[in-house]
Protein backbone atom coordinates (compact mmCIF):
# COMPACT_ATOMS: atom_id res chain seq x y z
CA MET A 1 0.00 0.00 0.00
CA SER A 2 1.37 3.41 -0.84
CA CYS A 3 0.24 6.88 0.05
CA ASP A 4 0.42 9.78 -2.34
CA ARG A 5 1.72 12.96 -0.88
CA PRO A 6 2.55 16.32 -2.37
CA GLU A 7 6.21 17.27 -2.58
CA ASN A 8 5.54 20.64 -0.96
CA GLN A 9 2.77 22.40 0.88
CA LEU A 10 2.23 26.14 1.13
CA ASN A 11 2.28 28.04 4.39
CA GLN A 12 -0.12 30.93 5.06
CA GLN A 13 2.14 33.35 3.20
CA GLY A 14 2.17 31.13 0.10
CA ASP A 15 5.76 30.00 0.57
CA ALA A 16 6.53 26.37 -0.26
CA LEU A 17 7.39 24.21 2.73
CA PRO A 18 9.24 20.99 2.01
CA ILE A 19 7.66 17.82 3.28
CA THR A 20 10.17 15.45 4.78
CA GLU A 21 9.75 12.02 6.33
CA ALA A 22 9.74 13.74 9.72
CA THR A 23 6.80 15.97 8.77
CA SER A 24 4.95 13.63 6.43
CA PRO A 25 1.78 12.02 7.75
CA ALA A 26 2.07 8.27 8.12
CA CYS A 27 0.29 6.01 5.70
CA VAL A 28 -2.18 4.23 7.96
CA PRO A 29 -4.57 1.71 6.40
CA VAL A 30 -8.23 2.10 7.36
CA PHE A 31 -10.77 -0.71 7.16
CA ASN A 32 -14.54 -0.67 7.61
CA CYS A 33 -15.84 -2.92 10.35
CA ILE A 34 -19.55 -3.58 9.88
CA VAL A 35 -21.15 -4.74 13.10
CA TYR A 36 -24.73 -5.94 13.59
CA VAL A 37 -25.97 -5.31 17.13
CA ASN A 38 -29.00 -7.00 18.67
CA TYR A 39 -30.38 -6.03 22.07
CA GLY A 40 -31.71 -8.87 24.20
CA ASP A 41 -33.45 -8.71 27.57
CA ASN A 42 -30.27 -8.55 29.64
CA SER A 43 -27.47 -8.54 27.10
CA VAL A 44 -26.29 -7.38 23.70
CA HIS A 45 -25.19 -9.69 20.91
CA ALA A 46 -22.85 -8.20 18.31
CA ARG A 47 -21.35 -9.79 15.21
CA VAL A 48 -19.03 -8.56 12.50
CA ALA A 49 -20.83 -8.81 9.18
CA ASN A 50 -17.92 -8.38 6.77
CA LEU A 51 -15.36 -10.74 8.36
CA ALA A 52 -16.49 -14.22 9.37
CA GLY A 53 -16.14 -15.69 12.82
CA LEU A 54 -16.28 -12.62 15.04
CA SER A 55 -19.17 -12.24 17.47
CA CYS A 56 -19.71 -11.75 21.18
CA ASP A 57 -22.26 -11.21 23.91
CA ALA A 58 -21.87 -8.45 26.47
CA ASN A 59 -23.80 -6.45 29.06
CA ASN A 60 -24.05 -3.42 26.76
CA GLU A 61 -23.13 -2.24 23.27
CA ARG A 62 -20.02 -0.41 24.42
CA ASP A 63 -18.60 -3.56 26.01
CA ALA A 64 -19.50 -5.64 22.95
CA LEU A 65 -17.75 -3.24 20.58
CA GLY A 66 -14.84 -3.03 23.01
CA LYS A 67 -14.41 -6.79 22.60
CA LEU A 68 -15.00 -7.04 18.84
CA ILE A 69 -12.97 -4.14 17.48
CA PRO A 70 -9.62 -5.28 18.96
CA LEU A 71 -10.26 -8.80 17.59
CA PHE A 72 -11.11 -7.36 14.16
CA LYS A 73 -7.96 -5.24 14.25
CA THR A 74 -5.76 -8.17 15.31
CA MET A 75 -7.10 -10.39 12.54
CA LEU A 76 -6.57 -7.72 9.90
CA LYS A 77 -3.05 -7.02 11.13
CA GLU A 78 -2.20 -10.73 10.92
CA PHE A 79 -3.51 -10.91 7.35
CA THR A 80 -1.82 -7.73 6.16
CA ASP A 81 1.50 -8.40 7.93
CA GLY A 82 1.55 -11.91 6.46
CA GLY A 83 0.76 -10.69 2.96
CA ILE A 84 -2.46 -12.69 3.00
CA GLU A 85 -5.55 -11.39 1.25
CA VAL A 86 -8.27 -10.53 3.78
CA PRO A 87 -11.16 -13.03 3.42
CA TRP A 88 -13.92 -10.43 3.38
CA VAL A 89 -17.49 -11.71 3.43
CA ASP A 90 -18.85 -10.76 0.02
CA PRO A 91 -21.65 -10.13 -0.43
CA ILE A 92 -22.31 -8.87 3.06
CA PRO A 93 -25.47 -10.47 4.44
CA GLU A 94 -28.43 -8.33 5.36
CA ALA A 95 -28.99 -7.54 9.03
CA GLU A 96 -31.45 -9.89 10.65
CA SER A 97 -34.68 -8.75 12.26
CA GLY A 98 -33.93 -6.70 15.38
CA GLU A 99 -30.30 -6.02 14.45
CA GLN A 100 -28.94 -2.51 14.15
CA VAL A 101 -25.99 -1.67 11.88
CA ARG A 102 -22.83 0.01 13.15
CA LEU A 103 -20.14 1.17 10.68
CA ILE A 104 -16.81 1.56 12.42
CA PRO A 105 -13.59 2.76 10.74
CA VAL A 106 -10.61 0.82 12.10
CA HIS A 107 -7.06 2.11 11.70
CA LEU A 108 -4.21 -0.35 11.87
């Protein structure tokens, strides 16, 4: 993955400022994590819709997402670091009855 960057940027006076590695923003990959959340009587069930095998139950949505997102990130890092193509679920299944959709950008 490569990031395009301009050779120079202009300051407020219009003078060119060189961009060096020290001042250049890092190229950080971003992935979409699609989570389906379903509220039960005393718990929340959440599952990742676009990457198979990730789901959990928790007391509330915050806890559920707090469990799922690090797992999602770890799996993606293992795939990308190993040069393995991410096995995205495609097409992404529709949310089931009672499920709400959460779209979460995840930076590696």
